Amino acid sequence: MTLHLRGIRAGADPQSAYRVYLQDSARKAGEPPGQIMVGEFNFYGIGPGMQRDVSFELTPGHPAPAISLDGECVANITLVPAHAIAPNSAPSIDSIELWGD
């Protein structure tokens, strides 16, 4: 399975990398939600008007997405800046996609 972040861009360098976490859907009932880091990306080389995509291969050690009651694949993804982001940098991502094998 591959996690794709498409259209990563910022108005100015946020001066921070972002860590990408996937919630562990296999936890037991009553346990707090666990998150596993699947990777990190930065904005190096992305200036105004520029964007890029990043992908992360999810290995067997990463949590599997949950399947909802209606059969939809559900992946809870959290993006966390490694440091405080620069003011007015306005980082954004166009889409987050999960592709199965």
PDB file of N, CA and C in Angstrom:
ATOM      1  N   MET A   1       0.848  -1.164   0.000  1.00  0.00           N
ATOM      2  CA  MET A   1       0.000   0.000   0.000  1.00  0.00           C
ATOM      3  C   MET A   1       0.903   1.241   0.000  1.00  0.00           C
ATOM      4  N   THR A   2       0.463   2.276  -0.695  1.00  0.00           N
ATOM      5  CA  THR A   2       1.258   3.504  -0.795  1.00  0.00           C
ATOM      6  C   THR A   2       0.412   4.714  -0.408  1.00  0.00           C
ATOM      7  N   LEU A   3       0.974   5.570   0.416  1.00  0.00           N
ATOM      8  CA  LEU A   3       0.336   6.819   0.817  1.00  0.00           C
ATOM      9  C   LEU A   3       0.944   7.939  -0.028  1.00  0.00           C
ATOM     10  N   HIS A   4       0.099   8.679  -0.748  1.00  0.00           N
ATOM     11  CA  HIS A   4       0.559   9.772  -1.609  1.00  0.00           C
ATOM     12  C   HIS A   4       0.042  11.100  -1.067  1.00  0.00           C
ATOM     13  N   LEU A   5       0.937  12.082  -0.945  1.00  0.00           N
ATOM     14  CA  LEU A   5       0.564  13.463  -0.622  1.00  0.00           C
ATOM     15  C   LEU A   5       0.837  14.264  -1.893  1.00  0.00           C
ATOM     16  N   ARG A   6      -0.207  14.821  -2.480  1.00  0.00           N
ATOM     17  CA  ARG A   6      -0.084  15.494  -3.773  1.00  0.00           C
ATOM     18  C   ARG A   6      -0.287  17.001  -3.639  1.00  0.00           C
ATOM     19  N   GLY A   7       0.507  17.733  -4.404  1.00  0.00           N
ATOM     20  CA  GLY A   7       0.361  19.186  -4.437  1.00  0.00           C
ATOM     21  C   GLY A   7       0.817  19.875  -3.171  1.00  0.00           C
ATOM     22  N   ILE A   8       1.961  19.470  -2.623  1.00  0.00           N
ATOM     23  CA  ILE A   8       2.511  20.121  -1.426  1.00  0.00           C
ATOM     24  C   ILE A   8       3.088  21.460  -1.858  1.00  0.00           C
ATOM     25  N   ARG A   9       2.682  22.526  -1.177  1.00  0.00           N
ATOM     26  CA  ARG A   9       3.193  23.855  -1.531  1.00  0.00           C
ATOM     27  C   ARG A   9       3.080  24.796  -0.332  1.00  0.00           C
ATOM     28  N   ALA A  10       3.743  25.938  -0.455  1.00  0.00           N
ATOM     29  CA  ALA A  10       3.696  26.956   0.594  1.00  0.00           C
ATOM     30  C   ALA A  10       3.975  28.316  -0.039  1.00  0.00           C
ATOM     31  N   GLY A  11       3.420  29.364   0.541  1.00  0.00           N
ATOM     32  CA  GLY A  11       3.661  30.712   0.054  1.00  0.00           C
ATOM     33  C   GLY A  11       5.073  31.189   0.368  1.00  0.00           C
ATOM     34  N   ALA A  12       5.647  30.634   1.426  1.00  0.00           N
ATOM     35  CA  ALA A  12       7.023  30.920   1.834  1.00  0.00           C
ATOM     36  C   ALA A  12       7.513  29.698   2.598  1.00  0.00           C
ATOM     37  N   ASP A  13       8.812  29.545   2.739  1.00  0.00           N
ATOM     38  CA  ASP A  13       9.371  28.388   3.438  1.00  0.00           C
ATOM     39  C   ASP A  13       8.850  28.328   4.871  1.00  0.00           C
ATOM     40  N   PRO A  14       8.129  27.250   5.242  1.00  0.00           N
ATOM     41  CA  PRO A  14       7.632  27.129   6.617  1.00  0.00           C
ATOM     42  C   PRO A  14       8.740  26.925   7.650  1.00  0.00           C
ATOM     43  N   GLN A  15       9.955  26.619   7.182  1.00  0.00           N
ATOM     44  CA  GLN A  15      11.113  26.395   8.055  1.00  0.00           C
ATOM     45  C   GLN A  15      10.882  25.245   9.025  1.00  0.00           C
ATOM     46  N   SER A  16      10.160  24.236   8.566  1.00  0.00           N
ATOM     47  CA  SER A  16       9.926  23.049   9.380  1.00  0.00           C
ATOM     48  C   SER A  16       9.596  21.883   8.474  1.00  0.00           C
ATOM     49  N   ALA A  17      10.070  20.712   8.846  1.00  0.00           N
ATOM     50  CA  ALA A  17       9.635  19.481   8.199  1.00  0.00           C
ATOM     51  C   ALA A  17       8.291  19.082   8.813  1.00  0.00           C
ATOM     52  N   TYR A  18       7.592  18.209   8.138  1.00  0.00           N
ATOM     53  CA  TYR A  18       6.342  17.671   8.662  1.00  0.00           C
ATOM     54  C   TYR A  18       6.471  16.168   8.802  1.00  0.00           C
ATOM     55  N   ARG A  19       6.031  15.656   9.933  1.00  0.00           N
ATOM     56  CA  ARG A  19       6.009  14.219  10.174  1.00  0.00           C
ATOM     57  C   ARG A  19       4.614  13.699   9.844  1.00  0.00           C
ATOM     58  N   VAL A  20       4.574  12.536   9.214  1.00  0.00           N
ATOM     59  CA  VAL A  20       3.311  11.949   8.779  1.00  0.00           C
ATOM     60  C   VAL A  20       3.044  10.705   9.623  1.00  0.00           C
ATOM     61  N   TYR A  21       1.893  10.682  10.292  1.00  0.00           N
ATOM     62  CA  TYR A  21       1.515   9.573  11.161  1.00  0.00           C
ATOM     63  C   TYR A  21       0.235   8.923  10.644  1.00  0.00           C
ATOM     64  N   LEU A  22       0.152   7.618  10.815  1.00  0.00           N
ATOM     65  CA  LEU A  22      -1.037   6.856  10.456  1.00  0.00           C
ATOM     66  C   LEU A  22      -1.568   6.216  11.732  1.00  0.00           C
ATOM     67  N   GLN A  23      -2.868   6.380  11.969  1.00  0.00           N
ATOM     68  CA  GLN A  23      -3.463   5.810  13.183  1.00  0.00           C
ATOM     69  C   GLN A  23      -3.522   4.298  13.063  1.00  0.00           C
ATOM     70  N   ASP A  24      -3.213   3.623  14.144  1.00  0.00           N
ATOM     71  CA  ASP A  24      -3.238   2.167  14.191  1.00  0.00           C
ATOM     72  C   ASP A  24      -4.675   1.705  14.410  1.00  0.00           C
ATOM     73  N   SER A  25      -5.303   1.202  13.350  1.00  0.00           N
ATOM     74  CA  SER A  25      -6.697   0.756  13.448  1.00  0.00           C
ATOM     75  C   SER A  25      -6.815  -0.627  14.081  1.00  0.00           C
ATOM     76  N   ALA A  26      -5.687  -1.307  14.294  1.00  0.00           N
ATOM     77  CA  ALA A  26      -5.714  -2.672  14.838  1.00  0.00           C
ATOM     78  C   ALA A  26      -5.642  -2.700  16.355  1.00  0.00           C
ATOM     79  N   ARG A  27      -5.728  -1.547  17.006  1.00  0.00           N
ATOM     80  CA  ARG A  27      -5.634  -1.545  18.459  1.00  0.00           C
ATOM     81  C   ARG A  27      -6.844  -2.267  19.065  1.00  0.00           C
ATOM     82  N   LYS A  28      -6.684  -2.726  20.267  1.00  0.00           N
ATOM     83  CA  LYS A  28      -7.758  -3.445  20.944  1.00  0.00           C
ATOM     84  C   LYS A  28      -8.770  -2.459  21.524  1.00  0.00           C
ATOM     85  N   ALA A  29     -10.002  -2.906  21.671  1.00  0.00           N
ATOM     86  CA  ALA A  29     -11.060  -2.068  22.240  1.00  0.00           C
ATOM     87  C   ALA A  29     -10.625  -1.554  23.607  1.00  0.00           C
ATOM     88  N   GLY A  30     -10.876  -0.290  23.855  1.00  0.00           N
ATOM     89  CA  GLY A  30     -10.530   0.315  25.128  1.00  0.00           C
ATOM     90  C   GLY A  30      -9.127   0.897  25.179  1.00  0.00           C
ATOM     91  N   GLU A  31      -8.275   0.571  24.202  1.00  0.00           N
ATOM     92  CA  GLU A  31      -6.927   1.147  24.178  1.00  0.00           C
ATOM     93  C   GLU A  31      -6.975   2.522  23.526  1.00  0.00           C
ATOM     94  N   PRO A  32      -6.107   3.427  23.945  1.00  0.00           N
ATOM     95  CA  PRO A  32      -6.074   4.732  23.292  1.00  0.00           C
ATOM     96  C   PRO A  32      -5.574   4.581  21.859  1.00  0.00           C
ATOM     97  N   PRO A  33      -6.003   5.478  20.969  1.00  0.00           N
ATOM     98  CA  PRO A  33      -5.532   5.379  19.588  1.00  0.00           C
ATOM     99  C   PRO A  33      -4.021   5.536  19.518  1.00  0.00           C
ATOM    100  N   GLY A  34      -3.381   4.626  18.822  1.00  0.00           N
ATOM    101  CA  GLY A  34      -1.944   4.699  18.639  1.00  0.00           C
ATOM    102  C   GLY A  34      -1.632   5.239  17.257  1.00  0.00           C
ATOM    103  N   GLN A  35      -0.510   5.901  17.131  1.00  0.00           N
ATOM    104  CA  GLN A  35      -0.104   6.414  15.838  1.00  0.00           C
ATOM    105  C   GLN A  35       1.318   5.975  15.558  1.00  0.00           C
ATOM    106  N   ILE A  36       1.554   5.626  14.303  1.00  0.00           N
ATOM    107  CA  ILE A  36       2.874   5.190  13.874  1.00  0.00           C
ATOM    108  C   ILE A  36       3.357   6.150  12.794  1.00  0.00           C
ATOM    109  N   MET A  37       4.586   6.650  12.960  1.00  0.00           N
ATOM    110  CA  MET A  37       5.147   7.563  11.968  1.00  0.00           C
ATOM    111  C   MET A  37       5.499   6.776  10.704  1.00  0.00           C
ATOM    112  N   VAL A  38       5.008   7.254   9.562  1.00  0.00           N
ATOM    113  CA  VAL A  38       5.305   6.582   8.293  1.00  0.00           C
ATOM    114  C   VAL A  38       6.348   7.337   7.482  1.00  0.00           C
ATOM    115  N   GLY A  39       6.645   8.571   7.857  1.00  0.00           N
ATOM    116  CA  GLY A  39       7.657   9.326   7.131  1.00  0.00           C
ATOM    117  C   GLY A  39       7.646  10.796   7.491  1.00  0.00           C
ATOM    118  N   GLU A  40       8.443  11.534   6.750  1.00  0.00           N
ATOM    119  CA  GLU A  40       8.606  12.966   6.987  1.00  0.00           C
ATOM    120  C   GLU A  40       8.901  13.634   5.646  1.00  0.00           C
ATOM    121  N   PHE A  41       8.427  14.846   5.472  1.00  0.00           N
ATOM    122  CA  PHE A  41       8.758  15.610   4.266  1.00  0.00           C
ATOM    123  C   PHE A  41       9.069  17.038   4.656  1.00  0.00           C
ATOM    124  N   ASN A  42       9.766  17.740   3.760  1.00  0.00           N
ATOM    125  CA  ASN A  42      10.075  19.142   4.011  1.00  0.00           C
ATOM    126  C   ASN A  42       9.732  19.966   2.781  1.00  0.00           C
ATOM    127  N   PHE A  43       9.891  21.234   2.889  1.00  0.00           N
ATOM    128  CA  PHE A  43       9.545  22.156   1.812  1.00  0.00           C
ATOM    129  C   PHE A  43      10.779  22.684   1.102  1.00  0.00           C
ATOM    130  N   TYR A  44      11.922  22.026   1.290  1.00  0.00           N
ATOM    131  CA  TYR A  44      13.157  22.476   0.653  1.00  0.00           C
ATOM    132  C   TYR A  44      12.963  22.524  -0.866  1.00  0.00           C
ATOM    133  N   GLY A  45      13.278  23.652  -1.439  1.00  0.00           N
ATOM    134  CA  GLY A  45      13.174  23.820  -2.888  1.00  0.00           C
ATOM    135  C   GLY A  45      11.784  24.163  -3.394  1.00  0.00           C
ATOM    136  N   ILE A  46      10.820  24.303  -2.498  1.00  0.00           N
ATOM    137  CA  ILE A  46       9.470  24.677  -2.919  1.00  0.00           C
ATOM    138  C   ILE A  46       9.275  26.150  -2.603  1.00  0.00           C
ATOM    139  N   GLY A  47       9.178  26.964  -3.629  1.00  0.00           N
ATOM    140  CA  GLY A  47       8.940  28.389  -3.453  1.00  0.00           C
ATOM    141  C   GLY A  47       7.548  28.744  -3.935  1.00  0.00           C
ATOM    142  N   PRO A  48       7.196  30.014  -3.878  1.00  0.00           N
ATOM    143  CA  PRO A  48       5.888  30.446  -4.360  1.00  0.00           C
ATOM    144  C   PRO A  48       5.658  29.976  -5.798  1.00  0.00           C
ATOM    145  N   GLY A  49       4.487  29.431  -6.056  1.00  0.00           N
ATOM    146  CA  GLY A  49       4.135  28.949  -7.387  1.00  0.00           C
ATOM    147  C   GLY A  49       4.663  27.562  -7.709  1.00  0.00           C
ATOM    148  N   MET A  50       5.378  26.929  -6.773  1.00  0.00           N
ATOM    149  CA  MET A  50       5.932  25.582  -7.001  1.00  0.00           C
ATOM    150  C   MET A  50       5.225  24.591  -6.086  1.00  0.00           C
ATOM    151  N   GLN A  51       5.204  23.343  -6.510  1.00  0.00           N
ATOM    152  CA  GLN A  51       4.634  22.283  -5.672  1.00  0.00           C
ATOM    153  C   GLN A  51       5.306  20.967  -6.011  1.00  0.00           C
ATOM    154  N   ARG A  52       5.097  19.982  -5.148  1.00  0.00           N
ATOM    155  CA  ARG A  52       5.617  18.646  -5.426  1.00  0.00           C
ATOM    156  C   ARG A  52       4.751  17.616  -4.716  1.00  0.00           C
ATOM    157  N   ASP A  53       4.998  16.354  -5.050  1.00  0.00           N
ATOM    158  CA  ASP A  53       4.300  15.228  -4.446  1.00  0.00           C
ATOM    159  C   ASP A  53       5.307  14.383  -3.677  1.00  0.00           C
ATOM    160  N   VAL A  54       4.855  13.733  -2.618  1.00  0.00           N
ATOM    161  CA  VAL A  54       5.688  12.758  -1.911  1.00  0.00           C
ATOM    162  C   VAL A  54       4.867  11.489  -1.682  1.00  0.00           C
ATOM    163  N   SER A  55       5.555  10.363  -1.595  1.00  0.00           N
ATOM    164  CA  SER A  55       4.894   9.075  -1.374  1.00  0.00           C
ATOM    165  C   SER A  55       5.625   8.306  -0.289  1.00  0.00           C
ATOM    166  N   PHE A  56       4.874   7.486   0.424  1.00  0.00           N
ATOM    167  CA  PHE A  56       5.426   6.627   1.464  1.00  0.00           C
ATOM    168  C   PHE A  56       4.896   5.217   1.257  1.00  0.00           C
ATOM    169  N   GLU A  57       5.796   4.257   1.126  1.00  0.00           N
ATOM    170  CA  GLU A  57       5.406   2.851   1.040  1.00  0.00           C
ATOM    171  C   GLU A  57       5.050   2.378   2.447  1.00  0.00           C
ATOM    172  N   LEU A  58       3.873   1.825   2.597  1.00  0.00           N
ATOM    173  CA  LEU A  58       3.454   1.294   3.893  1.00  0.00           C
ATOM    174  C   LEU A  58       3.818  -0.187   3.938  1.00  0.00           C
ATOM    175  N   THR A  59       4.728  -0.509   4.802  1.00  0.00           N
ATOM    176  CA  THR A  59       5.231  -1.880   4.925  1.00  0.00           C
ATOM    177  C   THR A  59       4.336  -2.665   5.874  1.00  0.00           C
ATOM    178  N   PRO A  60       4.528  -3.982   5.971  1.00  0.00           N
ATOM    179  CA  PRO A  60       3.718  -4.774   6.899  1.00  0.00           C
ATOM    180  C   PRO A  60       3.783  -4.288   8.346  1.00  0.00           C
ATOM    181  N   GLY A  61       4.829  -3.563   8.729  1.00  0.00           N
ATOM    182  CA  GLY A  61       4.924  -3.040  10.089  1.00  0.00           C
ATOM    183  C   GLY A  61       4.036  -1.833  10.340  1.00  0.00           C
ATOM    184  N   HIS A  62       3.526  -1.213   9.270  1.00  0.00           N
ATOM    185  CA  HIS A  62       2.641  -0.062   9.427  1.00  0.00           C
ATOM    186  C   HIS A  62       1.206  -0.541   9.642  1.00  0.00           C
ATOM    187  N   PRO A  63       0.397   0.252  10.329  1.00  0.00           N
ATOM    188  CA  PRO A  63      -0.985  -0.163  10.565  1.00  0.00           C
ATOM    189  C   PRO A  63      -1.776  -0.210   9.256  1.00  0.00           C
ATOM    190  N   ALA A  64      -2.696  -1.144   9.179  1.00  0.00           N
ATOM    191  CA  ALA A  64      -3.584  -1.233   8.019  1.00  0.00           C
ATOM    192  C   ALA A  64      -4.746  -0.270   8.205  1.00  0.00           C
ATOM    193  N   PRO A  65      -5.242   0.309   7.123  1.00  0.00           N
ATOM    194  CA  PRO A  65      -6.423   1.172   7.246  1.00  0.00           C
ATOM    195  C   PRO A  65      -7.623   0.355   7.714  1.00  0.00           C
ATOM    196  N   ALA A  66      -8.539   1.013   8.363  1.00  0.00           N
ATOM    197  CA  ALA A  66      -9.770   0.354   8.809  1.00  0.00           C
ATOM    198  C   ALA A  66     -10.744   0.270   7.641  1.00  0.00           C
ATOM    199  N   ILE A  67     -11.665  -0.652   7.719  1.00  0.00           N
ATOM    200  CA  ILE A  67     -12.736  -0.762   6.733  1.00  0.00           C
ATOM    201  C   ILE A  67     -14.033  -0.388   7.440  1.00  0.00           C
ATOM    202  N   SER A  68     -14.729   0.623   6.903  1.00  0.00           N
ATOM    203  CA  SER A  68     -15.966   1.087   7.531  1.00  0.00           C
ATOM    204  C   SER A  68     -17.093   0.081   7.302  1.00  0.00           C
ATOM    205  N   LEU A  69     -18.230   0.299   7.962  1.00  0.00           N
ATOM    206  CA  LEU A  69     -19.375  -0.603   7.831  1.00  0.00           C
ATOM    207  C   LEU A  69     -19.888  -0.672   6.395  1.00  0.00           C
ATOM    208  N   ASP A  70     -19.702   0.403   5.632  1.00  0.00           N
ATOM    209  CA  ASP A  70     -20.164   0.390   4.234  1.00  0.00           C
ATOM    210  C   ASP A  70     -19.063  -0.039   3.265  1.00  0.00           C
ATOM    211  N   GLY A  71     -17.954  -0.596   3.800  1.00  0.00           N
ATOM    212  CA  GLY A  71     -16.900  -1.148   2.958  1.00  0.00           C
ATOM    213  C   GLY A  71     -15.855  -0.158   2.476  1.00  0.00           C
ATOM    214  N   GLU A  72     -15.912   1.078   2.950  1.00  0.00           N
ATOM    215  CA  GLU A  72     -14.934   2.090   2.553  1.00  0.00           C
ATOM    216  C   GLU A  72     -13.648   1.937   3.361  1.00  0.00           C
ATOM    217  N   CYS A  73     -12.534   2.202   2.717  1.00  0.00           N
ATOM    218  CA  CYS A  73     -11.233   2.192   3.384  1.00  0.00           C
ATOM    219  C   CYS A  73     -11.072   3.515   4.129  1.00  0.00           C
ATOM    220  N   VAL A  74     -10.742   3.449   5.403  1.00  0.00           N
ATOM    221  CA  VAL A  74     -10.611   4.651   6.229  1.00  0.00           C
ATOM    222  C   VAL A  74      -9.211   4.687   6.829  1.00  0.00           C
ATOM    223  N   ALA A  75      -8.457   5.721   6.507  1.00  0.00           N
ATOM    224  CA  ALA A  75      -7.120   5.907   7.062  1.00  0.00           C
ATOM    225  C   ALA A  75      -7.077   7.260   7.760  1.00  0.00           C
ATOM    226  N   ASN A  76      -6.782   7.251   9.044  1.00  0.00           N
ATOM    227  CA  ASN A  76      -6.653   8.496   9.794  1.00  0.00           C
ATOM    228  C   ASN A  76      -5.194   8.917   9.775  1.00  0.00           C
ATOM    229  N   ILE A  77      -4.945  10.044   9.132  1.00  0.00           N
ATOM    230  CA  ILE A  77      -3.587  10.537   8.927  1.00  0.00           C
ATOM    231  C   ILE A  77      -3.429  11.857   9.667  1.00  0.00           C
ATOM    232  N   THR A  78      -2.315  12.009  10.360  1.00  0.00           N
ATOM    233  CA  THR A  78      -2.010  13.241  11.079  1.00  0.00           C
ATOM    234  C   THR A  78      -0.690  13.794  10.563  1.00  0.00           C
ATOM    235  N   LEU A  79      -0.663  15.079  10.261  1.00  0.00           N
ATOM    236  CA  LEU A  79       0.554  15.775   9.846  1.00  0.00           C
ATOM    237  C   LEU A  79       0.959  16.708  10.978  1.00  0.00           C
ATOM    238  N   VAL A  80       2.192  16.547  11.452  1.00  0.00           N
ATOM    239  CA  VAL A  80       2.663  17.318  12.610  1.00  0.00           C
ATOM    240  C   VAL A  80       3.963  18.034  12.244  1.00  0.00           C
ATOM    241  N   PRO A  81       4.000  19.371  12.376  1.00  0.00           N
ATOM    242  CA  PRO A  81       5.268  20.053  12.100  1.00  0.00           C
ATOM    243  C   PRO A  81       6.320  19.667  13.139  1.00  0.00           C
ATOM    244  N   ALA A  82       7.546  19.476  12.672  1.00  0.00           N
ATOM    245  CA  ALA A  82       8.644  19.122  13.575  1.00  0.00           C
ATOM    246  C   ALA A  82       9.047  20.305  14.455  1.00  0.00           C
ATOM    247  N   HIS A  83       8.810  21.509  13.979  1.00  0.00           N
ATOM    248  CA  HIS A  83       9.113  22.752  14.700  1.00  0.00           C
ATOM    249  C   HIS A  83       7.986  23.737  14.432  1.00  0.00           C
ATOM    250  N   ALA A  84       7.989  24.838  15.157  1.00  0.00           N
ATOM    251  CA  ALA A  84       7.002  25.882  14.884  1.00  0.00           C
ATOM    252  C   ALA A  84       7.190  26.368  13.446  1.00  0.00           C
ATOM    253  N   ILE A  85       6.077  26.518  12.726  1.00  0.00           N
ATOM    254  CA  ILE A  85       6.197  26.959  11.339  1.00  0.00           C
ATOM    255  C   ILE A  85       6.315  28.479  11.263  1.00  0.00           C
ATOM    256  N   ALA A  86       6.951  28.936  10.206  1.00  0.00           N
ATOM    257  CA  ALA A  86       7.154  30.374  10.010  1.00  0.00           C
ATOM    258  C   ALA A  86       5.811  31.054   9.750  1.00  0.00           C
ATOM    259  N   PRO A  87       5.631  32.256  10.292  1.00  0.00           N
ATOM    260  CA  PRO A  87       4.376  32.981  10.061  1.00  0.00           C
ATOM    261  C   PRO A  87       4.174  33.258   8.565  1.00  0.00           C
ATOM    262  N   ASN A  88       2.937  33.247   8.153  1.00  0.00           N
ATOM    263  CA  ASN A  88       2.536  33.563   6.781  1.00  0.00           C
ATOM    264  C   ASN A  88       3.078  32.598   5.727  1.00  0.00           C
ATOM    265  N   SER A  89       3.520  31.405   6.117  1.00  0.00           N
ATOM    266  CA  SER A  89       4.033  30.459   5.120  1.00  0.00           C
ATOM    267  C   SER A  89       2.898  29.720   4.411  1.00  0.00           C
ATOM    268  N   ALA A  90       1.763  29.558   5.074  1.00  0.00           N
ATOM    269  CA  ALA A  90       0.557  28.950   4.508  1.00  0.00           C
ATOM    270  C   ALA A  90       0.826  27.627   3.787  1.00  0.00           C
ATOM    271  N   PRO A  91       1.439  26.623   4.454  1.00  0.00           N
ATOM    272  CA  PRO A  91       1.649  25.334   3.788  1.00  0.00           C
ATOM    273  C   PRO A  91       0.309  24.644   3.511  1.00  0.00           C
ATOM    274  N   SER A  92       0.239  23.923   2.392  1.00  0.00           N
ATOM    275  CA  SER A  92      -0.996  23.212   2.055  1.00  0.00           C
ATOM    276  C   SER A  92      -0.687  21.974   1.226  1.00  0.00           C
ATOM    277  N   ILE A  93      -1.673  21.087   1.166  1.00  0.00           N
ATOM    278  CA  ILE A  93      -1.601  19.861   0.381  1.00  0.00           C
ATOM    279  C   ILE A  93      -2.913  19.756  -0.382  1.00  0.00           C
ATOM    280  N   ASP A  94      -2.835  19.499  -1.692  1.00  0.00           N
ATOM    281  CA  ASP A  94      -4.051  19.377  -2.499  1.00  0.00           C
ATOM    282  C   ASP A  94      -4.842  18.126  -2.164  1.00  0.00           C
ATOM    283  N   SER A  95      -4.164  16.975  -2.079  1.00  0.00           N
ATOM    284  CA  SER A  95      -4.897  15.732  -1.823  1.00  0.00           C
ATOM    285  C   SER A  95      -4.011  14.713  -1.127  1.00  0.00           C
ATOM    286  N   ILE A  96      -4.670  13.817  -0.422  1.00  0.00           N
ATOM    287  CA  ILE A  96      -4.020  12.684   0.233  1.00  0.00           C
ATOM    288  C   ILE A  96      -4.701  11.439  -0.315  1.00  0.00           C
ATOM    289  N   GLU A  97      -3.893  10.530  -0.866  1.00  0.00           N
ATOM    290  CA  GLU A  97      -4.439   9.321  -1.487  1.00  0.00           C
ATOM    291  C   GLU A  97      -3.773   8.081  -0.899  1.00  0.00           C
ATOM    292  N   LEU A  98      -4.533   7.021  -0.830  1.00  0.00           N
ATOM    293  CA  LEU A  98      -4.027   5.734  -0.362  1.00  0.00           C
ATOM    294  C   LEU A  98      -4.289   4.721  -1.461  1.00  0.00           C
ATOM    295  N   TRP A  99      -3.218   4.131  -2.000  1.00  0.00           N
ATOM    296  CA  TRP A  99      -3.340   3.171  -3.101  1.00  0.00           C
ATOM    297  C   TRP A  99      -3.009   1.781  -2.597  1.00  0.00           C
ATOM    298  N   GLY A 100      -3.873   0.828  -2.886  1.00  0.00           N
ATOM    299  CA  GLY A 100      -3.619  -0.554  -2.542  1.00  0.00           C
ATOM    300  C   GLY A 100      -2.838  -1.257  -3.632  1.00  0.00           C
ATOM    301  N   ASP A 101      -2.269  -2.379  -3.278  1.00  0.00           N
ATOM    302  CA  ASP A 101      -1.497  -3.153  -4.262  1.00  0.00           C
ATOM    303  C   ASP A 101      -2.394  -4.064  -5.060  1.00  0.00           C
TER     304      ASP A 101
END
